[in-house]
Amino acid sequence: MRDKTCRHPGCNRAAVATEIDHTIPWHHGGRTDHDNLACLCAKHHRLKTIGLWDYMQPEPGTITATSPAGKTYTTQPPPF
């Protein structure tokens, strides 16, 4: 409900066509709750999984993505 699109910077794929991803992986102790989940399309989820992009969620809904070159991008969910 919070994420209307893929949360990768610049991606506008609708949330209904994305995968819900644990920002901190479940197998690393990440919880399945709103402050550790975000919508990522299959492409960006794969890039995260293989380690090319890193995502953090410093507060619920705020996503900071770090590119392979080390540049960071912060996105906020749209208002309700």
Protein backbone atom coordinates (compact mmCIF):
# COMPACT_ATOMS: atom_id res chain seq x y z
CA MET A 1 0.00 0.00 0.00
CA ARG A 2 2.85 2.40 0.80
CA ASP A 3 4.91 1.79 -2.34
CA LYS A 4 3.13 2.71 -5.55
CA THR A 5 6.09 1.73 -7.78
CA CYS A 6 9.40 -0.11 -7.68
CA ARG A 7 11.52 1.74 -5.12
CA HIS A 8 14.70 1.67 -7.20
CA PRO A 9 15.64 5.25 -8.12
CA GLY A 10 14.05 6.24 -11.43
CA CYS A 11 12.05 3.03 -11.91
CA ASN A 12 8.33 3.56 -12.41
CA ARG A 13 7.13 -0.04 -12.70
CA ALA A 14 3.80 -0.25 -10.86
CA ALA A 15 3.92 -1.90 -7.43
CA VAL A 16 1.42 -4.55 -8.54
CA ALA A 17 4.12 -5.78 -10.98
CA THR A 18 6.91 -5.90 -8.36
CA GLU A 19 8.21 -8.27 -5.72
CA ILE A 20 8.12 -7.46 -2.03
CA ASP A 21 11.72 -7.55 -0.83
CA HIS A 22 13.28 -7.63 2.64
CA THR A 23 15.72 -4.69 2.83
CA ILE A 24 17.73 -6.68 5.37
CA PRO A 25 17.44 -10.27 4.13
CA TRP A 26 15.26 -12.56 6.24
CA HIS A 27 18.09 -15.10 6.54
CA HIS A 28 20.28 -12.31 8.02
CA GLY A 29 17.74 -11.49 10.71
CA GLY A 30 15.59 -9.09 8.70
CA ARG A 31 12.02 -8.93 9.94
CA THR A 32 8.93 -9.20 7.79
CA ASP A 33 7.39 -5.84 8.69
CA HIS A 34 6.74 -2.48 7.07
CA ASP A 35 10.08 -0.97 8.06
CA ASN A 36 12.05 -3.76 6.37
CA LEU A 37 10.00 -4.35 3.22
CA ALA A 38 9.97 -2.51 -0.10
CA CYS A 39 8.70 -3.16 -3.60
CA LEU A 40 11.37 -3.89 -6.22
CA CYS A 41 10.70 -4.99 -9.78
CA ALA A 42 12.26 -8.30 -10.80
CA LYS A 43 15.22 -6.59 -12.51
CA HIS A 44 16.15 -4.43 -9.52
CA HIS A 45 15.49 -7.23 -7.05
CA ARG A 46 17.93 -9.40 -9.02
CA LEU A 47 20.57 -6.61 -9.05
CA LYS A 48 20.24 -6.37 -5.26
CA THR A 49 20.38 -10.14 -4.78
CA ILE A 50 23.60 -10.52 -6.79
CA GLY A 51 25.17 -7.63 -4.86
CA LEU A 52 25.40 -4.94 -7.52
CA TRP A 53 23.08 -2.53 -5.71
CA ASP A 54 22.68 -2.12 -1.96
CA TYR A 55 19.52 -0.86 -0.28
CA MET A 56 19.01 0.48 3.23
CA GLN A 57 15.86 1.69 4.94
CA PRO A 58 17.00 4.16 7.63
CA GLU A 59 13.37 4.85 8.55
CA PRO A 60 10.19 3.15 7.38
CA GLY A 61 9.56 3.99 3.73
CA THR A 62 12.80 5.89 3.12
CA ILE A 63 14.99 3.88 0.77
CA THR A 64 18.66 4.66 0.21
CA ALA A 65 20.10 2.80 -2.77
CA THR A 66 23.84 2.61 -3.41
CA SER A 67 25.04 1.98 -6.97
CA PRO A 68 28.01 -0.19 -7.95
CA ALA A 69 30.00 3.06 -8.33
CA GLY A 70 29.19 4.06 -4.73
CA LYS A 71 26.71 6.84 -5.56
CA THR A 72 23.70 6.98 -3.24
CA TYR A 73 20.10 7.83 -4.09
CA THR A 74 17.34 8.34 -1.55
CA THR A 75 13.67 7.92 -2.38
CA GLN A 76 10.53 8.58 -0.37
CA PRO A 77 7.17 6.90 -0.92
CA PRO A 78 4.46 9.10 -2.39
CA PRO A 79 2.02 10.63 0.10
CA PHE A 80 -1.15 8.65 0.83
